[in-house]
Each structure stands twice: as structure tokens, then as C-alpha cells.
Amino acid sequence: MRLSVGVDISKGKSTVALIRDDQKKVEIFEVRHDQAGLAEFARFLALRDEQVRVVCEETGNYAAPLVKALQDEKIFVSCVNPVVIKKFSVAELHGVKTDKADAKKIALYGLYNWSRLKETMTENQQRDELKLLNHQRQFSADHKKSVINSLISLTDRVFLQINEQFSNCPYKPYEKWVDFLDVFWHPEMITSLTPEDFSEKYRNFCSKKGYKFSQAKADQLYSYAQSVWPTLQKDSTVRKIVKKAVKRVRTALEEADGYDKLLIAEAKKMPEFEIVASFPGVGELLAAQLIAEIGDVRRFKNKKALIAYAGIDPGANQSGQFDKKSNQTSKRGDSYLRRSLYNVMKALLMNPPKEDTAVYDFLDKKRKENKPYRVYMIAGAAKFLRVYYGRVNEYLASQEEDSRGRSSG
């Protein structure tokens, strides 16, 4: 007898429905996500005489405690995309939306698709931590961008477009602009000086902060300060506002930089780091992001599964004689991975590689066919994932063989 266990997961608890082959009786109850509740539920299923399979929706952190507790008891667990469950149609449940009804629907899905259920394999803790770290890094990067934009908006009232005067700075333009604004926070801080005095102050600023001094740059900044018309006059309140905004940006820059370094350091512990970092368009930071989001590539059954996981797989729209050739991507996968792939494609277009040009050639071919920007960028990303899957899989397999050879020797 087969027992399908449908679990509707929410924060802190789950609603469970048990349905057997005959579907004569449905048992529904709740499980708390505390140590006692999860342990009792896992033992309850482990002691069943029936063949048990647990089905739940992929709900990220909410599902993690329950999935781990069941897998520790060697119970089959399949986490299914919520879109698949939503499209699964059960006539008697139409128009009903409760936790009990959802749990029953999930259990019926497991029963009707018993042979097609794929067991969910969780990543090891090291890879799981790496993914969590990348999400925190991305949050920090988004925060950095937000506070920088806020400072730009503020300086438009005080020192209009001063940030653009450092846009061509080859080394850390954000830091140099912010450091400059911390000292010369209003154009009158410059225009009140003679050109010679400002030049000397600017020289001292560059020496103290470790920037290269340029007399031409000093003259340019002095001339620009004379042309600016601030809408807020120089006073102590404006000074405090600008200084606090500058401090906020510096804190965000330091935090983001710290996350970048930590993510790279942790990613270097993964066996595939060197080969991923060697791909054209991929440096150490992007390699760390890709490894964090993809995880162990061997968990995907083929290249298409990896592309679908990223959410860049094209849909299908065909009926009778109609067959649409261009369809939107699903965008139901990992958004963090899609962002990283987009940055890889941008890097390839900005710096075409001289060697290992398979992905770039494909990307450039689509661009020369006058495909829309979004179309050729997605096509290039899909090509990159196909290459990634093949090479990393091959590399990890060779590493395993070497490891077995050393063990047997």
C-alpha cells in the first residue's frame, strides 16, 4: 500500500494530509516546527508499514526544518515547484483555499504522480551556507546602491553632479568621490580659495587618501565648482546632512566589500572554484556567486534541468498548425543566478575573450542576427550554463576518480 503525505508548509507549522491508494480516508492534522513536533512526525512516518512518500512545495527557509527532520529518518521527500502544484487540477477542490484543502491537493498530486516524483537532495552545510552568504551579499550590494543614489540626490541640491567629475577614475570611483565630498562638501569650500590654495589642499587630500594627484584634475574641479549654482547655501545644517550621508555610504561600501571578500574566501573551498573562475567573463566574485546559487551541479539530471532552474528556459506555444517560435522565458527559477548570468554576459560583451570563445561567439552571432538585446543576452546565458554543466561535471568526475585511485593505492 502506498501512502502519499501532502504537506502545506507555513511559518512555524505545517498542515499534513495522508492519502492511501484507495483514497477512502483522508487524515489531516498539524505539525509544529519545533524539535518535539518534527521528531514525533518523522518517527510517526518512519514506523508506517506502507511505502511512504512526502510531497511539499518548495518554500525555501520555511520547508528546511521539516525536510531535514524527515531526511534524517531516511524518509522520501519531494519538494515540488508551487507552480506545478497550482496547475494540478482536482475537481472537488475547485474554489476551495484553506490549509487543509491545499494539503489534500498536494497529497493527491503525490499519489497521481507517484512514479515521477523526484527525491529532493539537500546540499551539504558548506554549500548551503555559501548560498545564504551570497543572498546576504546581494542584499548588502543593493543597500550600497540605494545609499549611493540617495547621496547623489542630496548633492544635486548642494554640489550638482560632483559625482560625475570622478566617473572616469580608474580605481574605486565611488570611494574617491565620497572622500572628496567629505572634505569639500559645498562648492564654496573650493571657490572661497585661490586656485593655488585649492590645488595645494587637493594635493594633501590625494596624499592622505592614497590617490594619485593631477594638476589638471585640480584645475578641472576648481573650474567646475565656479560653474555650479547650489540651491542650498553653505551652513552648519547642510554640513551635518552631507557628512551623515557620506558616513552612511562609507559604512555601506565597507560592508559590501567585506561580504565580497568573505564570499570569495568561502567559495574557494569548493572543488570547482578554479575552473569556474577561469571561464571567460567570470572573475573570482562572479565565480563565487555562480557556485553559491548552482550548488553541486551533479544534482541536476541534465543541462536542461540547470537552465530551467535558472528560469531562462523558453516556454512552448503550439496548437495544430500554429507554432510560435519565440516565447518568453519562465522566470520561475533562481533570480540571484539570473542576475549573475546577466553580469557574465555584460562582461563578455565589454571584454571579448581571445581564447575559449564558444559562449562569446554564440552571443555575438545572435547579436549580429539583430535579435533584441534581451533575447541574445538570455540565449548567451543558456549557452553558458550548458558549457558550465559539461565542464564542471567532467571536472568533478575526474576529481572523484583521482580520489578513489589514491584511496585504493
Foldseek 3Di string as FASTA:
>chain_A
DEWFWFWEFDAQKIWIWIADPVRPDIDIDMFGLDPVRLLVVLVVVLPDPHQYEYEYAPDPPRCVSNLVSNVVSVHFYFHHHVVVLVPQDDPVCPPPDDRNSSRVSRSVVCNVCVVVGDGDDDFPPLLQVLLVLLVVLVVLVVVLVVLLVVLQVLCCQFPHPLLVLQPPPPPPSVVVSLLVCLQVVHLCSQQVDDLVVQLVVVVVSCVVVVHDRDSVSSVVSSVSSVVDDHNDDDDDVSSVVSNVSSVSSVVSVVVSVVSQVVLLVSQVVDPCQVVQCPAQLHHSSLSSLQCSQCPQLVVAPALVSSLVQCQLDFDWDDDDPDTDPDGGTRNSHDPSNVVSLLSSLVSCVVPPDPPPRPLVVQLVVCVVVVDDPVVSSSVSSSVVSNVVSVPSVVVVVVVVVVVVVVVVD
